[in-house]
């Protein structure tokens, strides 16, 4: 066996972000023994990611995340920021963790900072990338990776260091099935050989229960709501946890959905060829073709799920359908009601005209935020569209309530949790109001980071738009969304797109961890 895991102790611990009136967590008492594997549950925005950041030593007056801290948090008897060399954090947003221009260098970075012997670094880099099913060369640029590939690379950089305390914040949320399986296997091997302590945040829990010793549930603005072996926690507290939005095995959310009305085609992609963006610098890889002769049709009053492996071209297809980038061959043309606006290919529409008719929610939520206040984000588009202040405020208030963001109306968007940011990005795309919602709405992984309550609200909101005749297109790895909401599946593979009828049977909803 390798080194033993770290001990984590919290006593009356609390945290409040700078500029916030409410405590994110308050009065947390928790002790995690060396080698324990803990699943951390709670509603979206309950402070799970905050707690992981604190354990990693990232919170405090002079740290990366500023705010007010109370009580004590110690790792192996020391302040958490004094043990960061033996702590590894895989965060929700891989964009914030990739620090080097080339993939191999990024994984080697942590090992070099630990002063690992040079002769051991590159064999370790190669073996970790191989074990995690990362297929690119070591000199492949990080900037052109897909979201799922970035998530896999960020995890590899942490796992290569074999930390004594491993903190995982939804590490497979954007991974395809094979990538999630390989991640599980690598974690199993790492934990068996190092006896590391693991604290894992995962909203959907069925596939992780056999890998954890203990479940800890935190309450928004409070402390520990439940703590114990998985079977005990879910048996004694299952009803209460479900009410709080936790993903309890066997209790998937049941959104109230209307029959898909259907309608005429509004977008048609024919013979589309597209590549990944060109890299920069002397070591940049050539753009990689991900779509080659792809065809797709999107119709009014329908929900379409775009599926495929990481790096297959799902986000690229969404970008083409949204008119945000032109294909290098082929075209995306408006049909039906959109063709009555303009018959030009969508990528040649003026920006204002495109924004009125086609809405996009990006994979990286922060790319959409343009103000310093949540409420102002929801007023920005409607005021530019000519809505009165009263009308804009009324619809903004409804969106804030429906998407569980009302208590955060005055917060800076960048300080929200991952799930809260995702809901806000969806809200901004709809902020002009029901009468002014885009004819087509394209969303990249819209259910990432959601609890059962916010998942249901998001899906019911999208269903409401579909019922009004809007076309909804989502790129997703969420099996429950595919089974419960989508009517059509566009599967991206080997450069092509295959249209399938989405599975109508209820899915497990837990996907692959």
Protein backbone atom coordinates (compact mmCIF):
# COMPACT_ATOMS: atom_id res chain seq x y z
CA UNK A 1 0.00 0.00 0.00
CA UNK A 2 1.03 3.61 -0.51
CA UNK A 3 0.67 6.54 1.82
CA UNK A 4 -2.36 6.83 4.08
CA UNK A 5 -5.13 9.33 3.57
CA UNK A 6 -5.58 12.65 5.29
CA UNK A 7 -7.87 13.42 8.24
CA UNK A 8 -10.33 16.33 7.86
CA UNK A 9 -11.92 18.04 10.86
CA UNK A 10 -14.46 20.89 10.89
CA UNK A 11 -15.78 22.45 14.09
CA UNK A 12 -18.62 24.99 14.01
CA UNK A 13 -17.34 25.99 10.58
CA UNK A 14 -19.10 28.51 8.38
CA UNK A 15 -18.52 30.54 5.26
CA UNK A 16 -20.08 33.69 3.79
CA UNK A 17 -18.97 35.06 0.43
CA UNK A 18 -17.80 38.66 0.22
CA UNK A 19 -20.75 40.93 -0.54
CA UNK A 20 -23.36 38.37 0.60
CA UNK A 21 -25.66 38.77 3.59
CA UNK A 22 -26.45 35.08 3.94
CA UNK A 23 -24.08 32.39 5.10
CA UNK A 24 -23.50 29.67 2.53
CA UNK A 25 -22.78 27.18 5.33
CA UNK A 26 -22.99 27.74 9.09
CA UNK A 27 -22.18 25.55 12.06
CA UNK A 28 -20.67 22.60 10.18
CA UNK A 29 -19.32 19.89 12.49
CA UNK A 30 -17.69 17.07 10.57
CA UNK A 31 -14.83 14.61 10.99
CA UNK A 32 -13.53 12.48 8.12
CA UNK A 33 -11.04 9.76 8.98
CA UNK A 34 -8.00 8.82 6.85
CA UNK A 35 -9.00 6.60 3.95
CA UNK A 36 -12.74 7.28 4.20
CA UNK A 37 -14.70 7.79 1.01
CA UNK A 38 -17.47 10.32 1.54
CA UNK A 39 -20.31 11.30 -0.79
CA UNK A 40 -21.33 14.91 -0.17
CA UNK A 41 -24.95 15.68 -1.08
CA UNK A 42 -27.23 18.70 -0.92
CA UNK A 43 -29.44 20.97 -2.98
CA UNK A 44 -28.00 23.08 -5.78
CA UNK A 45 -26.29 26.05 -4.12
CA UNK A 46 -26.16 24.41 -0.69
CA UNK A 47 -22.41 24.94 -0.35
CA UNK A 48 -20.98 21.61 -1.48
CA UNK A 49 -18.43 23.15 -3.85
CA UNK A 50 -17.63 25.80 -1.25
CA UNK A 51 -16.86 23.10 1.29
CA UNK A 52 -14.52 21.33 -1.15
CA UNK A 53 -12.75 24.62 -1.92
CA UNK A 54 -12.31 25.23 1.80
CA UNK A 55 -10.84 21.76 2.31
CA UNK A 56 -8.42 22.54 -0.52
CA UNK A 57 -7.29 25.70 1.27
CA UNK A 58 -8.72 28.10 -1.31
CA UNK A 59 -11.00 30.16 0.96
CA UNK A 60 -10.02 32.98 3.29
CA UNK A 61 -9.30 36.72 3.41
CA UNK A 62 -6.09 36.46 1.37
CA UNK A 63 -6.97 33.38 -0.68
CA UNK A 64 -8.38 32.80 -4.15
CA UNK A 65 -11.94 32.91 -2.80
CA UNK A 66 -12.62 35.78 -0.41
CA UNK A 67 -15.25 36.04 2.28
CA UNK A 68 -15.89 35.59 5.99
CA UNK A 69 -14.97 32.35 7.71
CA UNK A 70 -15.89 31.15 11.20
CA UNK A 71 -14.99 28.09 13.23
CA UNK A 72 -12.09 25.82 12.33
CA UNK A 73 -11.22 23.56 9.41
CA UNK A 74 -8.10 21.43 9.65
CA UNK A 75 -6.47 18.81 7.46
CA UNK A 76 -4.15 16.53 9.41
CA UNK A 77 -4.31 18.99 12.28
CA UNK A 78 -3.15 21.95 10.20
CA UNK A 79 -4.98 24.78 8.43
CA UNK A 80 -6.10 23.54 5.03
CA UNK A 81 -3.92 26.04 3.13
CA UNK A 82 -0.82 24.54 4.78
CA UNK A 83 -1.46 21.11 3.25
CA UNK A 84 -2.27 21.97 -0.34
CA UNK A 85 0.70 19.98 -1.62
CA UNK A 86 -1.04 16.76 -0.62
CA UNK A 87 -4.59 17.79 -1.55
CA UNK A 88 -6.03 17.42 -5.05
CA UNK A 89 -9.21 19.18 -6.21
CA UNK A 90 -11.04 18.38 -9.44
CA UNK A 91 -13.43 21.32 -9.74
CA UNK A 92 -16.71 21.77 -11.58
CA UNK A 93 -15.21 24.04 -14.24
CA UNK A 94 -12.18 22.54 -16.01
CA UNK A 95 -11.50 25.89 -17.70
CA UNK A 96 -10.18 27.21 -14.39
CA UNK A 97 -7.82 24.26 -13.87
CA UNK A 98 -5.99 23.98 -17.18
CA UNK A 99 -2.83 26.08 -16.91
CA UNK A 100 -0.59 24.98 -19.78
CA UNK A 101 -0.90 25.25 -23.55
CA UNK A 102 -0.24 21.55 -24.24
CA UNK A 103 -2.01 18.55 -22.75
CA UNK A 104 1.06 16.66 -21.56
CA UNK A 105 2.54 19.76 -19.93
CA UNK A 106 -0.72 20.35 -18.09
CA UNK A 107 -0.66 16.92 -16.45
CA UNK A 108 3.06 17.25 -15.71
CA UNK A 109 2.61 20.67 -14.07
CA UNK A 110 1.45 19.35 -10.70
CA UNK A 111 4.10 16.64 -10.59
CA UNK A 112 6.80 19.21 -11.27
CA UNK A 113 5.50 21.40 -8.45
CA UNK A 114 5.74 18.40 -6.13
CA UNK A 115 9.40 18.07 -7.18
CA UNK A 116 8.82 14.59 -8.57
CA UNK A 117 11.94 13.02 -10.07
CA UNK A 118 12.09 14.04 -13.75
CA UNK A 119 12.55 10.43 -14.86
CA UNK A 120 9.21 9.52 -13.25
CA UNK A 121 7.13 12.44 -14.51
CA UNK A 122 6.50 11.55 -18.14
CA UNK A 123 5.84 7.84 -17.62
CA UNK A 124 3.30 8.89 -14.98
CA UNK A 125 1.75 11.45 -17.36
CA UNK A 126 1.40 8.89 -20.14
CA UNK A 127 -0.03 6.15 -17.94
CA UNK A 128 -2.61 8.47 -16.36
CA UNK A 129 -3.80 9.80 -19.72
CA UNK A 130 -3.98 6.26 -21.07
CA UNK A 131 -5.93 5.01 -18.07
CA UNK A 132 -8.44 7.85 -18.34
CA UNK A 133 -8.99 7.21 -22.10
CA UNK A 134 -7.54 10.52 -23.24
CA UNK A 135 -6.73 9.95 -26.91
CA UNK A 136 -4.84 13.09 -27.93
CA UNK A 137 -1.06 13.42 -28.23
CA UNK A 138 0.97 15.03 -25.45
CA UNK A 139 1.58 18.16 -27.54
CA UNK A 140 -2.10 18.61 -28.41
CA UNK A 141 -3.23 22.17 -27.49
CA UNK A 142 -5.58 22.41 -24.53
CA UNK A 143 -7.44 25.36 -26.05
CA UNK A 144 -9.12 23.26 -28.75
CA UNK A 145 -10.41 20.48 -26.50
CA UNK A 146 -14.12 19.90 -26.05
CA UNK A 147 -15.69 20.54 -22.66
CA UNK A 148 -15.67 16.85 -21.76
CA UNK A 149 -12.07 16.43 -22.90
CA UNK A 150 -11.03 19.38 -20.74
CA UNK A 151 -12.79 17.80 -17.78
CA UNK A 152 -10.93 14.55 -18.38
CA UNK A 153 -7.58 16.34 -18.67
CA UNK A 154 -8.14 18.36 -15.49
CA UNK A 155 -8.90 15.15 -13.61
CA UNK A 156 -5.76 13.51 -15.01
CA UNK A 157 -3.61 16.36 -13.72
CA UNK A 158 -4.88 15.82 -10.19
CA UNK A 159 -4.95 12.03 -10.22
CA UNK A 160 -1.37 11.85 -11.51
CA UNK A 161 -0.19 13.42 -8.24
CA UNK A 162 -1.80 10.66 -6.09
CA UNK A 163 -3.03 13.15 -3.46
CA UNK A 164 -3.69 12.05 0.13
CA UNK A 165 -6.95 14.03 0.11
CA UNK A 166 -8.89 13.76 -3.14
CA UNK A 167 -11.72 16.28 -3.61
CA UNK A 168 -14.00 15.65 -6.60
CA UNK A 169 -16.72 18.07 -7.71
CA UNK A 170 -18.91 16.21 -10.23
CA UNK A 171 -15.87 14.82 -12.05
CA UNK A 172 -17.84 12.99 -14.76
CA UNK A 173 -20.76 15.37 -15.29
CA UNK A 174 -19.83 16.13 -18.91
CA UNK A 175 -18.18 12.81 -19.81
CA UNK A 176 -19.53 10.23 -22.22
CA UNK A 177 -20.22 6.70 -20.96
CA UNK A 178 -16.81 5.29 -21.82
CA UNK A 179 -15.01 8.26 -20.30
CA UNK A 180 -17.09 7.99 -17.12
CA UNK A 181 -16.38 4.27 -16.84
CA UNK A 182 -12.64 4.80 -17.30
CA UNK A 183 -12.71 7.57 -14.70
CA UNK A 184 -14.39 5.24 -12.20
CA UNK A 185 -11.84 2.52 -12.84
CA UNK A 186 -8.90 4.90 -12.44
CA UNK A 187 -10.32 6.24 -9.18
CA UNK A 188 -10.85 2.71 -7.89
CA UNK A 189 -7.22 1.86 -8.64
CA UNK A 190 -5.90 5.08 -7.12
CA UNK A 191 -7.89 4.71 -3.92
CA UNK A 192 -6.91 1.06 -3.54
CA UNK A 193 -3.19 1.73 -3.97
CA UNK A 194 -2.87 4.98 -2.01
CA UNK A 195 -5.63 4.66 0.64
CA UNK A 196 -6.39 8.33 -0.05
CA UNK A 197 -9.30 10.07 1.63
CA UNK A 198 -11.99 11.00 -0.90
CA UNK A 199 -14.77 13.56 -0.69
CA UNK A 200 -17.03 13.42 -3.73
CA UNK A 201 -19.84 15.73 -4.85
CA UNK A 202 -22.25 14.02 -7.21
CA UNK A 203 -25.90 14.89 -7.76
CA UNK A 204 -26.85 11.48 -9.14
CA UNK A 205 -25.77 8.83 -6.79
CA UNK A 206 -26.74 5.30 -7.82
CA UNK A 207 -23.45 4.47 -9.52
CA UNK A 208 -21.29 5.76 -6.66
CA UNK A 209 -22.91 4.17 -3.62
CA UNK A 210 -20.77 1.03 -3.77
CA UNK A 211 -17.68 3.24 -3.88
CA UNK A 212 -18.33 5.27 -0.74
CA UNK A 213 -18.38 4.43 2.96
CA UNK A 214 -20.48 7.34 4.07
CA UNK A 215 -23.00 9.95 2.91
CA UNK A 216 -22.97 13.49 4.32
CA UNK A 217 -25.81 15.88 3.43
CA UNK A 218 -25.40 19.64 3.93
CA UNK A 219 -28.21 22.16 4.31
CA UNK A 220 -28.15 25.57 2.56
CA UNK A 221 -27.12 28.20 5.09
CA UNK A 222 -26.73 25.55 7.77
CA UNK A 223 -24.69 22.54 8.76
CA UNK A 224 -24.89 18.79 8.36
CA UNK A 225 -28.43 17.57 7.68
CA UNK A 226 -27.64 13.84 7.67
CA UNK A 227 -24.54 11.68 8.08
CA UNK A 228 -23.95 7.94 8.03
CA UNK A 229 -23.62 4.82 5.87
CA UNK A 230 -25.51 5.18 2.56
CA UNK A 231 -28.20 2.62 3.37
CA UNK A 232 -28.87 4.23 6.76
CA UNK A 233 -29.01 7.79 5.43
CA UNK A 234 -31.39 6.97 2.58
CA UNK A 235 -33.56 4.68 4.69
CA UNK A 236 -33.98 7.14 7.57
CA UNK A 237 -33.85 10.44 5.72
CA UNK A 238 -34.86 9.61 2.12
CA UNK A 239 -38.15 11.54 2.17
CA UNK A 240 -36.59 14.60 3.74
CA UNK A 241 -33.62 14.55 1.37
CA UNK A 242 -35.91 14.26 -1.64
CA UNK A 243 -37.86 17.30 -0.41
CA UNK A 244 -34.56 19.21 -0.27
CA UNK A 245 -33.77 18.28 -3.88
CA UNK A 246 -31.10 15.63 -3.27
CA UNK A 247 -30.84 12.89 -5.87
CA UNK A 248 -32.13 9.91 -3.88
CA UNK A 249 -31.85 6.51 -5.61
CA UNK A 250 -35.16 5.44 -7.12
CA UNK A 251 -36.74 8.90 -6.82
CA UNK A 252 -36.04 10.60 -10.11
CA UNK A 253 -38.01 13.82 -10.71
CA UNK A 254 -41.24 13.52 -12.68
CA UNK A 255 -41.76 16.77 -14.61
CA UNK A 256 -45.27 17.62 -15.74
CA UNK A 257 -44.92 17.64 -19.51
CA UNK A 258 -47.37 18.30 -22.32
CA UNK A 259 -47.53 16.22 -25.52
CA UNK A 260 -45.06 17.41 -28.13
CA UNK A 261 -47.11 19.57 -30.54
CA UNK A 262 -44.67 19.33 -33.45
CA UNK A 263 -44.67 21.61 -36.44
CA UNK A 264 -42.89 22.51 -39.65
CA UNK A 265 -39.13 22.56 -40.02
CA UNK A 266 -37.42 25.79 -38.93
CA UNK A 267 -33.74 24.90 -39.50
CA UNK A 268 -32.08 22.58 -41.98
CA UNK A 269 -28.38 21.73 -42.07
CA UNK A 270 -27.19 20.04 -45.26
CA UNK A 271 -23.76 18.65 -46.07
CA UNK A 272 -22.08 20.56 -43.24
CA UNK A 273 -18.35 20.22 -42.76
CA UNK A 274 -16.65 21.82 -39.76
CA UNK A 275 -13.38 21.67 -37.85
CA UNK A 276 -12.24 22.50 -34.35
CA UNK A 277 -10.93 26.08 -33.96
CA UNK A 278 -7.37 26.70 -35.12
CA UNK A 279 -4.77 26.72 -32.36
CA UNK A 280 -2.19 29.46 -31.85
CA UNK A 281 1.57 29.30 -31.42
CA UNK A 282 4.38 27.15 -32.80
CA UNK A 283 3.10 23.96 -31.16
CA UNK A 284 -0.54 24.41 -32.11
CA UNK A 285 -2.22 21.36 -33.61
CA UNK A 286 -3.98 21.63 -36.91
CA UNK A 287 -7.75 22.04 -36.75
CA UNK A 288 -9.45 18.66 -36.51
CA UNK A 289 -12.46 17.89 -38.67
CA UNK A 290 -15.39 16.83 -36.48
CA UNK A 291 -18.29 17.13 -38.93
CA UNK A 292 -18.12 15.92 -42.52
CA UNK A 293 -21.27 16.01 -44.62
CA UNK A 294 -23.58 16.29 -41.61
CA UNK A 295 -27.33 16.74 -42.16
CA UNK A 296 -29.88 17.73 -39.53
CA UNK A 297 -33.39 19.16 -39.37
CA UNK A 298 -34.99 20.99 -36.44
CA UNK A 299 -38.75 21.50 -36.29
CA UNK A 300 -41.02 23.86 -34.38
CA UNK A 301 -42.74 22.51 -31.29
CA UNK A 302 -40.19 19.74 -30.74
CA UNK A 303 -37.36 18.88 -28.35
CA UNK A 304 -34.22 17.46 -29.93
CA UNK A 305 -31.27 15.97 -28.01
CA UNK A 306 -27.80 16.07 -29.57
CA UNK A 307 -25.74 13.15 -28.24
CA UNK A 308 -22.32 11.65 -28.87
CA UNK A 309 -18.92 10.98 -27.36
CA UNK A 310 -16.71 13.75 -25.99
CA UNK A 311 -15.04 15.55 -28.89
CA UNK A 312 -17.47 14.13 -31.46
CA UNK A 313 -18.72 17.57 -32.49
CA UNK A 314 -21.91 18.14 -30.45
CA UNK A 315 -21.03 21.71 -29.46
CA UNK A 316 -19.77 22.39 -32.98
CA UNK A 317 -23.11 21.25 -34.41
CA UNK A 318 -24.96 23.48 -31.94
CA UNK A 319 -22.79 26.43 -32.99
CA UNK A 320 -23.63 25.82 -36.65
CA UNK A 321 -27.36 25.47 -35.97
CA UNK A 322 -27.26 28.68 -33.90
CA UNK A 323 -25.69 30.61 -36.78
CA UNK A 324 -22.69 31.51 -34.62
CA UNK A 325 -20.16 30.05 -37.04
CA UNK A 326 -20.35 29.13 -40.73
CA UNK A 327 -19.56 25.60 -41.92
CA UNK A 328 -16.56 25.30 -44.22
CA UNK A 329 -18.86 23.40 -46.60
CA UNK A 330 -22.61 22.97 -46.71
CA UNK A 331 -25.11 25.37 -45.14
CA UNK A 332 -27.58 25.89 -42.31
CA UNK A 333 -30.70 27.51 -43.77
CA UNK A 334 -33.91 28.78 -42.22
CA UNK A 335 -37.14 27.02 -43.07
CA UNK A 336 -40.81 27.72 -42.43
CA UNK A 337 -41.41 30.78 -40.21
CA UNK A 338 -37.69 31.59 -40.00
CA UNK A 339 -37.43 31.63 -43.80
CA UNK A 340 -40.10 34.33 -43.82
CA UNK A 341 -37.69 36.49 -41.80
CA UNK A 342 -34.77 35.89 -44.17
CA UNK A 343 -33.76 33.16 -46.60
CA UNK A 344 -30.04 33.73 -46.17
CA UNK A 345 -27.92 31.07 -44.40
CA UNK A 346 -28.18 31.61 -40.67
CA UNK A 347 -24.50 32.54 -40.24
CA UNK A 348 -25.07 35.58 -42.49
CA UNK A 349 -27.92 37.05 -40.46
CA UNK A 350 -27.22 40.36 -38.69
CA UNK A 351 -26.48 39.81 -35.00
CA UNK A 352 -29.59 41.61 -33.72
CA UNK A 353 -31.86 39.70 -36.09
CA UNK A 354 -30.25 36.39 -35.16
CA UNK A 355 -30.55 37.08 -31.42
CA UNK A 356 -34.28 37.80 -31.73
CA UNK A 357 -35.02 34.46 -33.37
CA UNK A 358 -32.31 32.02 -32.22
CA UNK A 359 -31.17 31.81 -28.59
CA UNK A 360 -28.07 29.98 -27.37
CA UNK A 361 -26.98 28.77 -23.93
CA UNK A 362 -23.26 28.03 -23.99
CA UNK A 363 -21.50 25.13 -22.29
CA UNK A 364 -19.43 27.61 -20.26
CA UNK A 365 -22.11 29.67 -18.50
CA UNK A 366 -19.86 32.61 -17.63
CA UNK A 367 -19.43 33.38 -21.34
CA UNK A 368 -22.97 34.81 -21.30
CA UNK A 369 -22.77 37.15 -18.32
CA UNK A 370 -22.39 40.86 -19.08
CA UNK A 371 -23.29 42.61 -15.80
CA UNK A 372 -22.23 42.46 -12.16
CA UNK A 373 -25.62 41.54 -10.69
CA UNK A 374 -27.95 38.58 -11.23
CA UNK A 375 -31.07 40.74 -11.52
CA UNK A 376 -29.38 43.04 -14.02
CA UNK A 377 -28.54 40.05 -16.23
CA UNK A 378 -32.26 39.46 -16.64
CA UNK A 379 -33.00 43.11 -17.41
CA UNK A 380 -30.27 43.57 -20.00
CA UNK A 381 -31.85 41.83 -23.00
CA UNK A 382 -35.47 42.95 -22.47
CA UNK A 383 -34.52 46.61 -22.13
CA UNK A 384 -32.47 46.38 -25.33
CA UNK A 385 -35.50 44.76 -26.96
CA UNK A 386 -37.65 47.75 -25.98
CA UNK A 387 -39.65 46.30 -23.09
CA UNK A 388 -40.75 48.69 -20.37
CA UNK A 389 -38.96 48.58 -17.04
CA UNK A 390 -42.10 47.27 -15.31
CA UNK A 391 -42.60 44.48 -17.85
CA UNK A 392 -38.92 43.51 -17.70
CA UNK A 393 -38.98 43.42 -13.90
CA UNK A 394 -42.13 41.29 -13.81
CA UNK A 395 -40.69 38.61 -16.07
CA UNK A 396 -37.30 38.75 -14.35
CA UNK A 397 -39.01 38.15 -11.00
CA UNK A 398 -40.88 35.13 -12.40
CA UNK A 399 -37.68 33.62 -13.82
CA UNK A 400 -35.82 34.18 -10.55
CA UNK A 401 -38.56 32.43 -8.59
CA UNK A 402 -39.02 29.53 -11.01
CA UNK A 403 -35.31 28.82 -11.22
CA UNK A 404 -34.60 29.18 -7.47
CA UNK A 405 -32.44 32.28 -7.94
CA UNK A 406 -34.53 34.91 -6.11
CA UNK A 407 -32.33 35.00 -2.96
CA UNK A 408 -29.35 35.68 -5.24
CA UNK A 409 -30.82 38.61 -7.16
CA UNK A 410 -28.15 41.01 -5.87
CA UNK A 411 -25.21 38.59 -6.11
CA UNK A 412 -22.47 38.82 -8.73
CA UNK A 413 -23.08 36.11 -11.36
CA UNK A 414 -19.49 34.87 -11.13
CA UNK A 415 -19.94 34.03 -7.41
CA UNK A 416 -22.80 31.57 -8.03
CA UNK A 417 -22.40 27.82 -7.84
CA UNK A 418 -22.03 25.84 -11.06
CA UNK A 419 -25.68 24.81 -11.07
CA UNK A 420 -26.85 28.35 -10.28
CA UNK A 421 -24.74 29.77 -13.11
CA UNK A 422 -26.27 27.25 -15.49
CA UNK A 423 -29.81 28.24 -14.51
CA UNK A 424 -28.97 31.93 -14.84
CA UNK A 425 -27.56 31.37 -18.33
CA UNK A 426 -30.83 29.69 -19.34
CA UNK A 427 -32.79 32.55 -17.79
CA UNK A 428 -30.81 35.18 -19.73
CA UNK A 429 -31.70 33.44 -23.00
CA UNK A 430 -35.39 33.73 -22.05
CA UNK A 431 -35.27 37.11 -20.35
CA UNK A 432 -37.11 39.03 -23.07
CA UNK A 433 -40.32 37.31 -21.93
CA UNK A 434 -42.62 34.57 -23.28
CA UNK A 435 -43.95 36.70 -26.11
CA UNK A 436 -40.43 37.53 -27.23
CA UNK A 437 -38.72 34.18 -26.67
CA UNK A 438 -36.59 33.00 -29.59
CA UNK A 439 -38.13 30.67 -32.16
CA UNK A 440 -35.23 28.26 -31.64
CA UNK A 441 -33.39 27.72 -28.35
CA UNK A 442 -30.15 25.72 -28.35
CA UNK A 443 -28.64 24.69 -25.00
CA UNK A 444 -25.33 22.98 -24.25
CA UNK A 445 -25.60 20.69 -21.17
CA UNK A 446 -28.45 22.71 -19.57
CA UNK A 447 -29.04 20.32 -16.65
CA UNK A 448 -25.45 20.27 -15.40
CA UNK A 449 -25.21 20.71 -11.61
CA UNK A 450 -28.95 20.65 -10.91
CA UNK A 451 -30.76 19.06 -7.99
CA UNK A 452 -34.10 17.33 -8.54
CA UNK A 453 -36.15 20.48 -7.93
CA UNK A 454 -34.19 22.73 -10.26
CA UNK A 455 -33.90 19.95 -12.85
CA UNK A 456 -37.70 19.66 -12.91
CA UNK A 457 -38.21 23.43 -13.11
CA UNK A 458 -35.76 23.73 -16.00
CA UNK A 459 -37.39 20.92 -17.94
CA UNK A 460 -40.91 22.23 -17.33
CA UNK A 461 -39.82 25.71 -18.44
CA UNK A 462 -38.39 24.29 -21.66
CA UNK A 463 -41.55 22.23 -22.13
CA UNK A 464 -43.63 25.39 -21.81
CA UNK A 465 -41.64 26.94 -24.65
CA UNK A 466 -41.95 23.79 -26.74
CA UNK A 467 -45.71 23.86 -26.19
CA UNK A 468 -45.77 27.42 -27.57
CA UNK A 469 -44.23 26.12 -30.79
CA UNK A 470 -40.58 26.88 -30.09
CA UNK A 471 -37.90 24.43 -31.19
CA UNK A 472 -35.68 23.23 -28.32
CA UNK A 473 -32.29 21.64 -29.03
CA UNK A 474 -30.06 20.36 -26.20
CA UNK A 475 -26.59 18.82 -26.32
CA UNK A 476 -26.48 16.46 -23.38
CA UNK A 477 -25.09 13.38 -21.62
CA UNK A 478 -28.11 13.39 -19.28
CA UNK A 479 -29.97 10.12 -19.89
CA UNK A 480 -32.97 11.25 -17.87
CA UNK A 481 -33.36 14.39 -19.99
CA UNK A 482 -33.07 12.30 -23.15
CA UNK A 483 -35.69 9.79 -22.01
CA UNK A 484 -38.19 12.15 -20.36
CA UNK A 485 -38.09 15.24 -22.56
CA UNK A 486 -36.58 14.75 -26.01
CA UNK A 487 -38.67 13.52 -28.93
CA UNK A 488 -35.77 13.21 -31.37
CA UNK A 489 -32.12 12.28 -30.89
CA UNK A 490 -29.39 13.54 -33.21
CA UNK A 491 -26.41 11.26 -32.62
CA UNK A 492 -23.08 12.71 -33.73
CA UNK A 493 -20.50 10.11 -34.70
CA UNK A 494 -17.59 9.84 -37.15
CA UNK A 495 -18.40 13.21 -38.69
CA UNK A 496 -22.03 12.44 -39.44
CA UNK A 497 -25.36 13.00 -37.73
CA UNK A 498 -27.99 10.26 -37.42
CA UNK A 499 -31.57 11.16 -36.54
CA UNK A 500 -33.23 8.68 -34.15
CA UNK A 501 -36.43 8.56 -32.18
CA UNK A 502 -35.47 9.37 -28.59
CA UNK A 503 -36.11 6.55 -26.10
CA UNK A 504 -39.54 7.06 -24.55
CA UNK A 505 -39.04 4.63 -21.68
CA UNK A 506 -38.14 6.14 -18.31
CA UNK A 507 -34.36 6.03 -17.93
CA UNK A 508 -32.43 5.28 -14.81
CA UNK A 509 -31.62 8.96 -14.63
CA UNK A 510 -28.29 8.35 -13.03
CA UNK A 511 -26.30 8.05 -16.21
CA UNK A 512 -22.78 6.78 -15.79
CA UNK A 513 -20.56 8.06 -13.03
